[in-house]
């Protein structure tokens, strides 16, 4: 259930881009200590700042409204993905020229908004990602390792290869991207899901280096649990978006194992005239599961293309 809270503060700050209609959206959960200053800084670059209070138990909504944000409240915690979706649907209804997403825990600095907005204003990008660039971002080593693992996992589901920072929540979208992408994942894997959608629609993606703070930890989950949750969901997304790759690759690996172990079984049989029952069982199971996996990948890929073709035809008729 959603509740809108109108801001009592008039928009009196000078905009950095007065000729453009820019919305900044901030999903927030118990960010009362930082949300006010983030909103005030963001308002320098936006016609409207939207804070989606995802069931906070502190004064996040009140503080954001006092700072001049339009607040959308979830009556209970629904997850970051649905918080982003609420902001996304609000933006679609109000048709901004630029739609910016950033976090409310002060990890992202709104002063970087002009640099991220620039490629879209110039018409050379549909999606711009903030990049917390390696060691220069002062990101803790365990976060860098986890982030890179999730980057590779996201790339496995993408058509156009690896992005430098697929998990950064600081990103900017054009009207074309706002219309095409459907953020539906309700969890922390929303960042990857949106990128996979963007690549499916052949949207132009650019990356821009940003500053990031790590002295304030705004995550509601431990890093290990966070990363595991996103990785598990990413595996599901890859299987849905690229079934031939996901099931075909797994099947090919199993068939390769079956062939290699088959040579071992044959070699041992000729040497000892005894059948290695254990290895033979593994060969048979690997071959059967591998063939089934490849078959599933081919069938699901064909079904996916048929559905996509049908959707395109329906869209053309409309």
C-alpha atoms as a PDB file:
ATOM      1  CA  UNK A   1       0.000   0.000   0.000  1.00  0.00           C
ATOM      2  CA  UNK A   2       1.366   3.412  -0.990  1.00  0.00           C
ATOM      3  CA  UNK A   3       0.876   6.804   0.531  1.00  0.00           C
ATOM      4  CA  UNK A   4       1.981  10.097  -1.032  1.00  0.00           C
ATOM      5  CA  UNK A   5       3.211  12.926   1.154  1.00  0.00           C
ATOM      6  CA  UNK A   6       3.323  16.396  -0.351  1.00  0.00           C
ATOM      7  CA  UNK A   7       6.352  18.482   0.495  1.00  0.00           C
ATOM      8  CA  UNK A   8       5.666  21.626   2.544  1.00  0.00           C
ATOM      9  CA  UNK A   9       8.837  23.258   1.238  1.00  0.00           C
ATOM     10  CA  UNK A  10       8.656  25.231  -2.049  1.00  0.00           C
ATOM     11  CA  UNK A  11      11.297  24.546  -4.705  1.00  0.00           C
ATOM     12  CA  UNK A  12      13.390  27.674  -4.243  1.00  0.00           C
ATOM     13  CA  UNK A  13      16.871  26.285  -4.888  1.00  0.00           C
ATOM     14  CA  UNK A  14      18.587  27.286  -8.131  1.00  0.00           C
ATOM     15  CA  UNK A  15      18.619  24.422 -10.632  1.00  0.00           C
ATOM     16  CA  UNK A  16      21.835  23.487 -12.378  1.00  0.00           C
ATOM     17  CA  UNK A  17      19.845  22.542 -15.521  1.00  0.00           C
ATOM     18  CA  UNK A  18      16.878  24.970 -15.647  1.00  0.00           C
ATOM     19  CA  UNK A  19      16.096  24.020 -19.268  1.00  0.00           C
ATOM     20  CA  UNK A  20      15.646  20.293 -18.489  1.00  0.00           C
ATOM     21  CA  UNK A  21      13.023  18.429 -16.493  1.00  0.00           C
ATOM     22  CA  UNK A  22      15.047  16.250 -14.128  1.00  0.00           C
ATOM     23  CA  UNK A  23      13.662  13.938 -11.462  1.00  0.00           C
ATOM     24  CA  UNK A  24      15.858  12.396  -8.778  1.00  0.00           C
ATOM     25  CA  UNK A  25      14.493   9.341  -6.951  1.00  0.00           C
ATOM     26  CA  UNK A  26      15.889   7.973  -3.696  1.00  0.00           C
ATOM     27  CA  UNK A  27      14.767   4.613  -2.248  1.00  0.00           C
ATOM     28  CA  UNK A  28      15.204   4.809   1.522  1.00  0.00           C
ATOM     29  CA  UNK A  29      14.869   2.565   4.556  1.00  0.00           C
ATOM     30  CA  UNK A  30      15.603   4.075   7.978  1.00  0.00           C
ATOM     31  CA  UNK A  31      17.824   6.807   6.520  1.00  0.00           C
ATOM     32  CA  UNK A  32      16.571   9.567   8.838  1.00  0.00           C
ATOM     33  CA  UNK A  33      20.118  10.591   9.781  1.00  0.00           C
ATOM     34  CA  UNK A  34      21.224  11.287   6.197  1.00  0.00           C
ATOM     35  CA  UNK A  35      18.186  11.658   3.941  1.00  0.00           C
ATOM     36  CA  UNK A  36      17.643  15.369   4.622  1.00  0.00           C
ATOM     37  CA  UNK A  37      21.080  16.473   3.432  1.00  0.00           C
ATOM     38  CA  UNK A  38      20.953  14.129   0.421  1.00  0.00           C
ATOM     39  CA  UNK A  39      17.602  15.607  -0.628  1.00  0.00           C
ATOM     40  CA  UNK A  40      18.815  19.196  -0.206  1.00  0.00           C
ATOM     41  CA  UNK A  41      21.913  18.510  -2.314  1.00  0.00           C
ATOM     42  CA  UNK A  42      19.926  16.674  -4.978  1.00  0.00           C
ATOM     43  CA  UNK A  43      17.405  19.518  -5.278  1.00  0.00           C
ATOM     44  CA  UNK A  44      20.154  21.709  -6.735  1.00  0.00           C
ATOM     45  CA  UNK A  45      20.045  19.552  -9.866  1.00  0.00           C
ATOM     46  CA  UNK A  46      16.416  18.445 -10.039  1.00  0.00           C
ATOM     47  CA  UNK A  47      12.956  19.836 -10.653  1.00  0.00           C
ATOM     48  CA  UNK A  48      11.651  17.241  -8.224  1.00  0.00           C
ATOM     49  CA  UNK A  49      13.195  14.847  -5.725  1.00  0.00           C
ATOM     50  CA  UNK A  50      11.166  11.727  -4.906  1.00  0.00           C
ATOM     51  CA  UNK A  51      11.929   9.730  -1.772  1.00  0.00           C
ATOM     52  CA  UNK A  52      10.352   6.293  -1.533  1.00  0.00           C
ATOM     53  CA  UNK A  53      10.190   5.462   2.167  1.00  0.00           C
ATOM     54  CA  UNK A  54      10.139   1.672   2.155  1.00  0.00           C
ATOM     55  CA  UNK A  55       8.478   1.073   5.515  1.00  0.00           C
ATOM     56  CA  UNK A  56      10.982   2.940   7.672  1.00  0.00           C
ATOM     57  CA  UNK A  57      10.527   2.879  11.444  1.00  0.00           C
ATOM     58  CA  UNK A  58      12.365   6.168  11.969  1.00  0.00           C
ATOM     59  CA  UNK A  59      11.652   9.709  10.765  1.00  0.00           C
ATOM     60  CA  UNK A  60      12.896   9.185   7.183  1.00  0.00           C
ATOM     61  CA  UNK A  61       9.612  10.270   5.563  1.00  0.00           C
ATOM     62  CA  UNK A  62       9.160  13.348   7.747  1.00  0.00           C
ATOM     63  CA  UNK A  63      12.764  14.496   7.315  1.00  0.00           C
ATOM     64  CA  UNK A  64      12.649  13.992   3.545  1.00  0.00           C
ATOM     65  CA  UNK A  65       9.407  15.985   3.254  1.00  0.00           C
ATOM     66  CA  UNK A  66      10.819  18.813   5.365  1.00  0.00           C
ATOM     67  CA  UNK A  67      13.870  18.922   3.077  1.00  0.00           C
ATOM     68  CA  UNK A  68      11.593  19.414   0.065  1.00  0.00           C
ATOM     69  CA  UNK A  69      11.099  15.932  -1.345  1.00  0.00           C
ATOM     70  CA  UNK A  70       7.912  14.407  -2.638  1.00  0.00           C
ATOM     71  CA  UNK A  71       7.575  11.328  -0.427  1.00  0.00           C
ATOM     72  CA  UNK A  72       5.962   8.042  -1.405  1.00  0.00           C
ATOM     73  CA  UNK A  73       5.496   5.813   1.626  1.00  0.00           C
ATOM     74  CA  UNK A  74       5.220   2.037   1.720  1.00  0.00           C
ATOM     75  CA  UNK A  75       3.279   1.045   4.803  1.00  0.00           C
ATOM     76  CA  UNK A  76       5.664  -1.891   5.260  1.00  0.00           C
ATOM     77  CA  UNK A  77       9.073  -2.907   3.993  1.00  0.00           C
ATOM     78  CA  UNK A  78       8.670  -4.319   0.467  1.00  0.00           C
ATOM     79  CA  UNK A  79      12.295  -4.357  -0.667  1.00  0.00           C
ATOM     80  CA  UNK A  80      14.530  -2.041  -2.667  1.00  0.00           C
ATOM     81  CA  UNK A  81      13.248  -3.363  -5.979  1.00  0.00           C
ATOM     82  CA  UNK A  82       9.654  -2.402  -5.282  1.00  0.00           C
ATOM     83  CA  UNK A  83      10.768   0.947  -3.861  1.00  0.00           C
ATOM     84  CA  UNK A  84      12.476   1.653  -7.176  1.00  0.00           C
ATOM     85  CA  UNK A  85       9.383   0.474  -9.055  1.00  0.00           C
ATOM     86  CA  UNK A  86       7.194   2.922  -7.114  1.00  0.00           C
ATOM     87  CA  UNK A  87       9.497   5.788  -8.104  1.00  0.00           C
ATOM     88  CA  UNK A  88       9.670   4.440 -11.669  1.00  0.00           C
ATOM     89  CA  UNK A  89       5.889   4.427 -12.101  1.00  0.00           C
ATOM     90  CA  UNK A  90       5.620   7.910 -10.590  1.00  0.00           C
ATOM     91  CA  UNK A  91       8.224   9.177 -13.067  1.00  0.00           C
ATOM     92  CA  UNK A  92       6.408   7.572 -16.005  1.00  0.00           C
ATOM     93  CA  UNK A  93       3.250   9.430 -15.019  1.00  0.00           C
ATOM     94  CA  UNK A  94       5.128  12.764 -14.954  1.00  0.00           C
ATOM     95  CA  UNK A  95       7.426  12.283 -17.996  1.00  0.00           C
ATOM     96  CA  UNK A  96      10.789  13.782 -16.958  1.00  0.00           C
ATOM     97  CA  UNK A  97      13.528  14.274 -19.550  1.00  0.00           C
ATOM     98  CA  UNK A  98      16.037  12.756 -17.128  1.00  0.00           C
ATOM     99  CA  UNK A  99      15.412  10.242 -14.344  1.00  0.00           C
ATOM    100  CA  UNK A 100      18.119   9.769 -11.717  1.00  0.00           C
ATOM    101  CA  UNK A 101      18.376   7.036  -9.089  1.00  0.00           C
ATOM    102  CA  UNK A 102      20.705   7.277  -6.109  1.00  0.00           C
ATOM    103  CA  UNK A 103      20.935   5.916  -2.567  1.00  0.00           C
ATOM    104  CA  UNK A 104      19.924   7.881   0.503  1.00  0.00           C
ATOM    105  CA  UNK A 105      22.720   6.775   2.859  1.00  0.00           C
ATOM    106  CA  UNK A 106      25.259   9.377   1.629  1.00  0.00           C
ATOM    107  CA  UNK A 107      27.330   6.760  -0.208  1.00  0.00           C
ATOM    108  CA  UNK A 108      26.575   8.678  -3.410  1.00  0.00           C
ATOM    109  CA  UNK A 109      27.253  12.406  -3.717  1.00  0.00           C
ATOM    110  CA  UNK A 110      24.554  14.336  -5.637  1.00  0.00           C
ATOM    111  CA  UNK A 111      27.248  16.698  -6.920  1.00  0.00           C
ATOM    112  CA  UNK A 112      28.091  13.956  -9.462  1.00  0.00           C
ATOM    113  CA  UNK A 113      24.620  14.243 -11.030  1.00  0.00           C
ATOM    114  CA  UNK A 114      25.689  16.787 -13.719  1.00  0.00           C
ATOM    115  CA  UNK A 115      28.402  14.453 -15.044  1.00  0.00           C
ATOM    116  CA  UNK A 116      26.060  11.461 -15.164  1.00  0.00           C
ATOM    117  CA  UNK A 117      23.285  13.479 -16.792  1.00  0.00           C
ATOM    118  CA  UNK A 118      25.512  14.913 -19.515  1.00  0.00           C
ATOM    119  CA  UNK A 119      25.632  11.862 -21.881  1.00  0.00           C
ATOM    120  CA  UNK A 120      21.831  11.694 -21.933  1.00  0.00           C
ATOM    121  CA  UNK A 121      21.450  15.439 -22.504  1.00  0.00           C
ATOM    122  CA  UNK A 122      23.903  15.088 -25.398  1.00  0.00           C
ATOM    123  CA  UNK A 123      21.819  12.241 -26.846  1.00  0.00           C
ATOM    124  CA  UNK A 124      24.615   9.657 -26.765  1.00  0.00           C
ATOM    125  CA  UNK A 125      23.250   7.359 -24.017  1.00  0.00           C
ATOM    126  CA  UNK A 126      19.996   5.961 -22.678  1.00  0.00           C
ATOM    127  CA  UNK A 127      21.425   4.618 -19.404  1.00  0.00           C
ATOM    128  CA  UNK A 128      24.392   6.046 -17.511  1.00  0.00           C
ATOM    129  CA  UNK A 129      25.971   4.065 -14.663  1.00  0.00           C
ATOM    130  CA  UNK A 130      28.011   5.494 -11.844  1.00  0.00           C
ATOM    131  CA  UNK A 131      31.252   3.555 -11.439  1.00  0.00           C
ATOM    132  CA  UNK A 132      32.957   3.202  -8.077  1.00  0.00           C
ATOM    133  CA  UNK A 133      36.356   2.886  -9.681  1.00  0.00           C
ATOM    134  CA  UNK A 134      38.592   0.237  -8.060  1.00  0.00           C
ATOM    135  CA  UNK A 135      40.916   1.321  -5.282  1.00  0.00           C
ATOM    136  CA  UNK A 136      40.275   5.005  -5.926  1.00  0.00           C
ATOM    137  CA  UNK A 137      36.731   4.561  -4.565  1.00  0.00           C
ATOM    138  CA  UNK A 138      38.124   3.551  -1.134  1.00  0.00           C
ATOM    139  CA  UNK A 139      35.846   0.525  -1.355  1.00  0.00           C
ATOM    140  CA  UNK A 140      36.821  -2.148   1.200  1.00  0.00           C
ATOM    141  CA  UNK A 141      38.602  -5.134  -0.337  1.00  0.00           C
ATOM    142  CA  UNK A 142      35.817  -7.583   0.535  1.00  0.00           C
ATOM    143  CA  UNK A 143      33.310  -5.357  -1.257  1.00  0.00           C
ATOM    144  CA  UNK A 144      35.543  -5.103  -4.330  1.00  0.00           C
ATOM    145  CA  UNK A 145      35.797  -8.892  -4.539  1.00  0.00           C
ATOM    146  CA  UNK A 146      32.045  -9.381  -4.067  1.00  0.00           C
ATOM    147  CA  UNK A 147      31.207  -6.586  -6.502  1.00  0.00           C
ATOM    148  CA  UNK A 148      33.421  -8.087  -9.185  1.00  0.00           C
ATOM    149  CA  UNK A 149      31.885 -11.523  -8.727  1.00  0.00           C
ATOM    150  CA  UNK A 150      28.419 -10.030  -9.219  1.00  0.00           C
ATOM    151  CA  UNK A 151      29.660  -8.048 -12.227  1.00  0.00           C
ATOM    152  CA  UNK A 152      30.722 -11.300 -13.914  1.00  0.00           C
ATOM    153  CA  UNK A 153      27.457 -12.985 -12.938  1.00  0.00           C
ATOM    154  CA  UNK A 154      25.503 -10.100 -14.486  1.00  0.00           C
ATOM    155  CA  UNK A 155      27.667 -10.258 -17.613  1.00  0.00           C
ATOM    156  CA  UNK A 156      26.719 -13.939 -17.997  1.00  0.00           C
ATOM    157  CA  UNK A 157      23.130 -12.856 -18.540  1.00  0.00           C
ATOM    158  CA  UNK A 158      23.948  -9.867 -20.738  1.00  0.00           C
ATOM    159  CA  UNK A 159      24.325  -9.719 -24.500  1.00  0.00           C
ATOM    160  CA  UNK A 160      27.018  -7.065 -24.598  1.00  0.00           C
ATOM    161  CA  UNK A 161      29.544  -8.269 -22.077  1.00  0.00           C
ATOM    162  CA  UNK A 162      30.972  -7.017 -18.796  1.00  0.00           C
ATOM    163  CA  UNK A 163      30.133  -3.685 -17.186  1.00  0.00           C
ATOM    164  CA  UNK A 164      32.560  -2.167 -14.719  1.00  0.00           C
ATOM    165  CA  UNK A 165      30.113  -1.708 -11.826  1.00  0.00           C
ATOM    166  CA  UNK A 166      26.812  -3.467 -12.386  1.00  0.00           C
ATOM    167  CA  UNK A 167      25.728  -3.122  -8.745  1.00  0.00           C
ATOM    168  CA  UNK A 168      26.025   0.649  -8.303  1.00  0.00           C
ATOM    169  CA  UNK A 169      22.670   2.224  -7.448  1.00  0.00           C
ATOM    170  CA  UNK A 170      23.651   5.644  -8.830  1.00  0.00           C
ATOM    171  CA  UNK A 171      22.355   5.685 -12.405  1.00  0.00           C
ATOM    172  CA  UNK A 172      20.507   7.896 -14.875  1.00  0.00           C
ATOM    173  CA  UNK A 173      17.851   7.046 -17.472  1.00  0.00           C
ATOM    174  CA  UNK A 174      16.473   8.686 -20.591  1.00  0.00           C
ATOM    175  CA  UNK A 175      12.738   8.748 -21.465  1.00  0.00           C
ATOM    176  CA  UNK A 176      13.350   5.832 -23.843  1.00  0.00           C
ATOM    177  CA  UNK A 177      14.849   3.763 -21.025  1.00  0.00           C
ATOM    178  CA  UNK A 178      12.086   4.803 -18.645  1.00  0.00           C
ATOM    179  CA  UNK A 179       9.492   3.514 -21.106  1.00  0.00           C
ATOM    180  CA  UNK A 180      11.300   0.284 -22.031  1.00  0.00           C
ATOM    181  CA  UNK A 181      12.617  -1.087 -18.740  1.00  0.00           C
ATOM    182  CA  UNK A 182      10.236  -2.796 -16.308  1.00  0.00           C
ATOM    183  CA  UNK A 183      11.858  -3.060 -12.850  1.00  0.00           C
ATOM    184  CA  UNK A 184      10.034  -6.045 -11.403  1.00  0.00           C
ATOM    185  CA  UNK A 185      12.534  -7.701  -9.080  1.00  0.00           C
ATOM    186  CA  UNK A 186      11.648  -6.897  -5.484  1.00  0.00           C
ATOM    187  CA  UNK A 187      15.070  -7.617  -3.982  1.00  0.00           C
ATOM    188  CA  UNK A 188      18.621  -6.327  -4.070  1.00  0.00           C
ATOM    189  CA  UNK A 189      19.266  -7.814  -7.513  1.00  0.00           C
ATOM    190  CA  UNK A 190      17.151  -5.022  -9.023  1.00  0.00           C
ATOM    191  CA  UNK A 191      20.296  -3.279 -10.330  1.00  0.00           C
ATOM    192  CA  UNK A 192      21.280  -6.318 -12.402  1.00  0.00           C
ATOM    193  CA  UNK A 193      17.735  -6.951 -13.582  1.00  0.00           C
ATOM    194  CA  UNK A 194      17.448  -3.406 -14.921  1.00  0.00           C
ATOM    195  CA  UNK A 195      20.738  -3.717 -16.802  1.00  0.00           C
ATOM    196  CA  UNK A 196      19.688  -7.013 -18.372  1.00  0.00           C
ATOM    197  CA  UNK A 197      16.435  -5.358 -19.467  1.00  0.00           C
ATOM    198  CA  UNK A 198      18.362  -2.396 -20.888  1.00  0.00           C
ATOM    199  CA  UNK A 199      20.599  -4.676 -22.939  1.00  0.00           C
ATOM    200  CA  UNK A 200      17.641  -6.709 -24.178  1.00  0.00           C
ATOM    201  CA  UNK A 201      16.151  -3.481 -25.539  1.00  0.00           C
ATOM    202  CA  UNK A 202      19.533  -2.493 -27.059  1.00  0.00           C
ATOM    203  CA  UNK A 203      19.680   0.688 -25.001  1.00  0.00           C
ATOM    204  CA  UNK A 204      22.937   2.621 -25.120  1.00  0.00           C
ATOM    205  CA  UNK A 205      24.808   2.293 -21.819  1.00  0.00           C
ATOM    206  CA  UNK A 206      27.675   4.498 -20.690  1.00  0.00           C
ATOM    207  CA  UNK A 207      29.717   4.547 -17.485  1.00  0.00           C
ATOM    208  CA  UNK A 208      30.967   7.559 -15.540  1.00  0.00           C
ATOM    209  CA  UNK A 209      33.326   7.477 -12.561  1.00  0.00           C
ATOM    210  CA  UNK A 210      31.846   8.723  -9.288  1.00  0.00           C
ATOM    211  CA  UNK A 211      32.948   9.256  -5.716  1.00  0.00           C
ATOM    212  CA  UNK A 212      31.583   6.943  -3.023  1.00  0.00           C
ATOM    213  CA  UNK A 213      31.686   6.897   0.781  1.00  0.00           C
ATOM    214  CA  UNK A 214      32.087   3.772   2.914  1.00  0.00           C
ATOM    215  CA  UNK A 215      32.433   5.290   6.380  1.00  0.00           C
ATOM    216  CA  UNK A 216      28.635   5.118   6.661  1.00  0.00           C
ATOM    217  CA  UNK A 217      27.161   1.661   6.185  1.00  0.00           C
ATOM    218  CA  UNK A 218      23.577   1.961   5.021  1.00  0.00           C
ATOM    219  CA  UNK A 219      23.057  -1.691   4.150  1.00  0.00           C
ATOM    220  CA  UNK A 220      20.354  -3.528   6.067  1.00  0.00           C
ATOM    221  CA  UNK A 221      22.025  -6.909   5.389  1.00  0.00           C
ATOM    222  CA  UNK A 222      25.546  -8.199   6.170  1.00  0.00           C
ATOM    223  CA  UNK A 223      27.772  -8.058   3.035  1.00  0.00           C
ATOM    224  CA  UNK A 224      27.970 -11.858   2.754  1.00  0.00           C
ATOM    225  CA  UNK A 225      24.212 -12.344   2.979  1.00  0.00           C
ATOM    226  CA  UNK A 226      23.637  -9.438   0.608  1.00  0.00           C
ATOM    227  CA  UNK A 227      26.006 -10.872  -1.999  1.00  0.00           C
ATOM    228  CA  UNK A 228      24.617 -14.395  -1.692  1.00  0.00           C
ATOM    229  CA  UNK A 229      21.049 -13.163  -2.095  1.00  0.00           C
ATOM    230  CA  UNK A 230      21.929 -11.192  -5.230  1.00  0.00           C
ATOM    231  CA  UNK A 231      23.990 -14.043  -6.710  1.00  0.00           C
ATOM    232  CA  UNK A 232      21.201 -16.605  -6.242  1.00  0.00           C
ATOM    233  CA  UNK A 233      18.690 -14.266  -7.858  1.00  0.00           C
ATOM    234  CA  UNK A 234      21.146 -13.516 -10.681  1.00  0.00           C
ATOM    235  CA  UNK A 235      21.421 -17.223 -11.486  1.00  0.00           C
ATOM    236  CA  UNK A 236      17.636 -17.307 -11.851  1.00  0.00           C
ATOM    237  CA  UNK A 237      17.675 -14.200 -14.045  1.00  0.00           C
ATOM    238  CA  UNK A 238      20.375 -15.638 -16.312  1.00  0.00           C
ATOM    239  CA  UNK A 239      18.380 -18.853 -16.732  1.00  0.00           C
ATOM    240  CA  UNK A 240      15.334 -16.776 -17.713  1.00  0.00           C
ATOM    241  CA  UNK A 241      17.086 -14.291 -19.995  1.00  0.00           C
ATOM    242  CA  UNK A 242      19.580 -16.651 -21.698  1.00  0.00           C
ATOM    243  CA  UNK A 243      18.294 -20.209 -21.324  1.00  0.00           C
ATOM    244  CA  UNK A 244      20.416 -21.606 -24.155  1.00  0.00           C
ATOM    245  CA  UNK A 245      23.566 -20.193 -22.586  1.00  0.00           C
ATOM    246  CA  UNK A 246      22.638 -21.257 -19.050  1.00  0.00           C
ATOM    247  CA  UNK A 247      21.400 -24.797 -19.732  1.00  0.00           C
ATOM    248  CA  UNK A 248      23.554 -25.329 -22.824  1.00  0.00           C
ATOM    249  CA  UNK A 249      26.771 -24.422 -21.066  1.00  0.00           C
ATOM    250  CA  UNK A 250      25.927 -26.617 -18.085  1.00  0.00           C
ATOM    251  CA  UNK A 251      25.001 -29.481 -20.384  1.00  0.00           C
ATOM    252  CA  UNK A 252      28.195 -29.056 -22.408  1.00  0.00           C
ATOM    253  CA  UNK A 253      30.283 -29.213 -19.232  1.00  0.00           C
ATOM    254  CA  UNK A 254      28.541 -32.426 -18.154  1.00  0.00           C
ATOM    255  CA  UNK A 255      28.976 -33.983 -21.592  1.00  0.00           C
ATOM    256  CA  UNK A 256      32.673 -33.068 -21.533  1.00  0.00           C
ATOM    257  CA  UNK A 257      33.016 -34.739 -18.129  1.00  0.00           C
ATOM    258  CA  UNK A 258      31.225 -37.825 -19.497  1.00  0.00           C
ATOM    259  CA  UNK A 259      33.577 -38.052 -22.486  1.00  0.00           C
ATOM    260  CA  UNK A 260      36.752 -37.605 -20.441  1.00  0.00           C
ATOM    261  CA  UNK A 261      35.691 -40.122 -17.816  1.00  0.00           C
ATOM    262  CA  UNK A 262      34.553 -42.436 -20.615  1.00  0.00           C
ATOM    263  CA  UNK A 263      38.132 -42.556 -21.879  1.00  0.00           C
ATOM    264  CA  UNK A 264      39.249 -43.445 -18.365  1.00  0.00           C
ATOM    265  CA  UNK A 265      36.670 -46.259 -18.157  1.00  0.00           C
ATOM    266  CA  UNK A 266      37.682 -47.689 -21.546  1.00  0.00           C
ATOM    267  CA  UNK A 267      41.395 -47.420 -20.771  1.00  0.00           C
ATOM    268  CA  UNK A 268      40.966 -49.156 -17.400  1.00  0.00           C
ATOM    269  CA  UNK A 269      38.819 -51.894 -18.978  1.00  0.00           C
ATOM    270  CA  UNK A 270      41.474 -52.699 -21.585  1.00  0.00           C
ATOM    271  CA  UNK A 271      44.189 -52.684 -18.909  1.00  0.00           C
ATOM    272  CA  UNK A 272      42.396 -54.820 -16.296  1.00  0.00           C
ATOM    273  CA  UNK A 273      39.500 -56.406 -18.188  1.00  0.00           C
ATOM    274  CA  UNK A 274      37.272 -55.121 -15.378  1.00  0.00           C
ATOM    275  CA  UNK A 275      34.557 -52.518 -15.678  1.00  0.00           C
ATOM    276  CA  UNK A 276      34.938 -49.540 -13.313  1.00  0.00           C
ATOM    277  CA  UNK A 277      31.349 -49.514 -12.135  1.00  0.00           C
ATOM    278  CA  UNK A 278      31.581 -46.221 -10.198  1.00  0.00           C
ATOM    279  CA  UNK A 279      33.110 -44.315 -13.095  1.00  0.00           C
ATOM    280  CA  UNK A 280      30.676 -45.924 -15.525  1.00  0.00           C
ATOM    281  CA  UNK A 281      27.732 -44.743 -13.436  1.00  0.00           C
ATOM    282  CA  UNK A 282      29.132 -41.200 -13.348  1.00  0.00           C
ATOM    283  CA  UNK A 283      29.669 -41.276 -17.128  1.00  0.00           C
ATOM    284  CA  UNK A 284      26.112 -42.438 -17.757  1.00  0.00           C
ATOM    285  CA  UNK A 285      24.513 -39.904 -15.395  1.00  0.00           C
ATOM    286  CA  UNK A 286      26.658 -37.014 -16.698  1.00  0.00           C
ATOM    287  CA  UNK A 287      25.794 -37.874 -20.286  1.00  0.00           C
ATOM    288  CA  UNK A 288      22.060 -38.227 -19.599  1.00  0.00           C
ATOM    289  CA  UNK A 289      21.789 -35.021 -17.547  1.00  0.00           C
ATOM    290  CA  UNK A 290      24.005 -33.157 -20.038  1.00  0.00           C
ATOM    291  CA  UNK A 291      21.869 -34.149 -23.023  1.00  0.00           C
ATOM    292  CA  UNK A 292      18.659 -33.262 -21.166  1.00  0.00           C
ATOM    293  CA  UNK A 293      20.119 -29.887 -20.108  1.00  0.00           C
ATOM    294  CA  UNK A 294      21.131 -29.001 -23.676  1.00  0.00           C
ATOM    295  CA  UNK A 295      17.694 -30.065 -24.927  1.00  0.00           C
ATOM    296  CA  UNK A 296      15.967 -27.910 -22.261  1.00  0.00           C
ATOM    297  CA  UNK A 297      18.117 -24.939 -23.250  1.00  0.00           C
ATOM    298  CA  UNK A 298      17.226 -25.334 -26.941  1.00  0.00           C
ATOM    299  CA  UNK A 299      13.495 -25.673 -26.221  1.00  0.00           C
ATOM    300  CA  UNK A 300      13.352 -22.749 -23.782  1.00  0.00           C
ATOM    301  CA  UNK A 301      15.360 -20.555 -26.157  1.00  0.00           C
ATOM    302  CA  UNK A 302      12.955 -21.357 -28.991  1.00  0.00           C
ATOM    303  CA  UNK A 303       9.961 -20.612 -26.752  1.00  0.00           C
ATOM    304  CA  UNK A 304      11.544 -17.337 -25.644  1.00  0.00           C
ATOM    305  CA  UNK A 305      12.031 -16.270 -29.271  1.00  0.00           C
ATOM    306  CA  UNK A 306       8.443 -17.217 -30.120  1.00  0.00           C
ATOM    307  CA  UNK A 307       7.107 -15.175 -27.204  1.00  0.00           C
ATOM    308  CA  UNK A 308       9.339 -12.237 -28.114  1.00  0.00           C
ATOM    309  CA  UNK A 309       8.227 -12.444 -31.745  1.00  0.00           C
ATOM    310  CA  UNK A 310       4.578 -12.569 -30.740  1.00  0.00           C
ATOM    311  CA  UNK A 311       4.980  -9.561 -28.455  1.00  0.00           C
ATOM    312  CA  UNK A 312       6.696  -7.607 -31.226  1.00  0.00           C
ATOM    313  CA  UNK A 313       3.932  -8.463 -33.719  1.00  0.00           C
ATOM    314  CA  UNK A 314       1.275  -7.408 -31.220  1.00  0.00           C
ATOM    315  CA  UNK A 315       3.154  -4.158 -30.611  1.00  0.00           C
ATOM    316  CA  UNK A 316       3.356  -3.492 -34.374  1.00  0.00           C
ATOM    317  CA  UNK A 317      -0.389  -4.028 -34.741  1.00  0.00           C
ATOM    318  CA  UNK A 318      -1.071  -1.555 -31.990  1.00  0.00           C
END
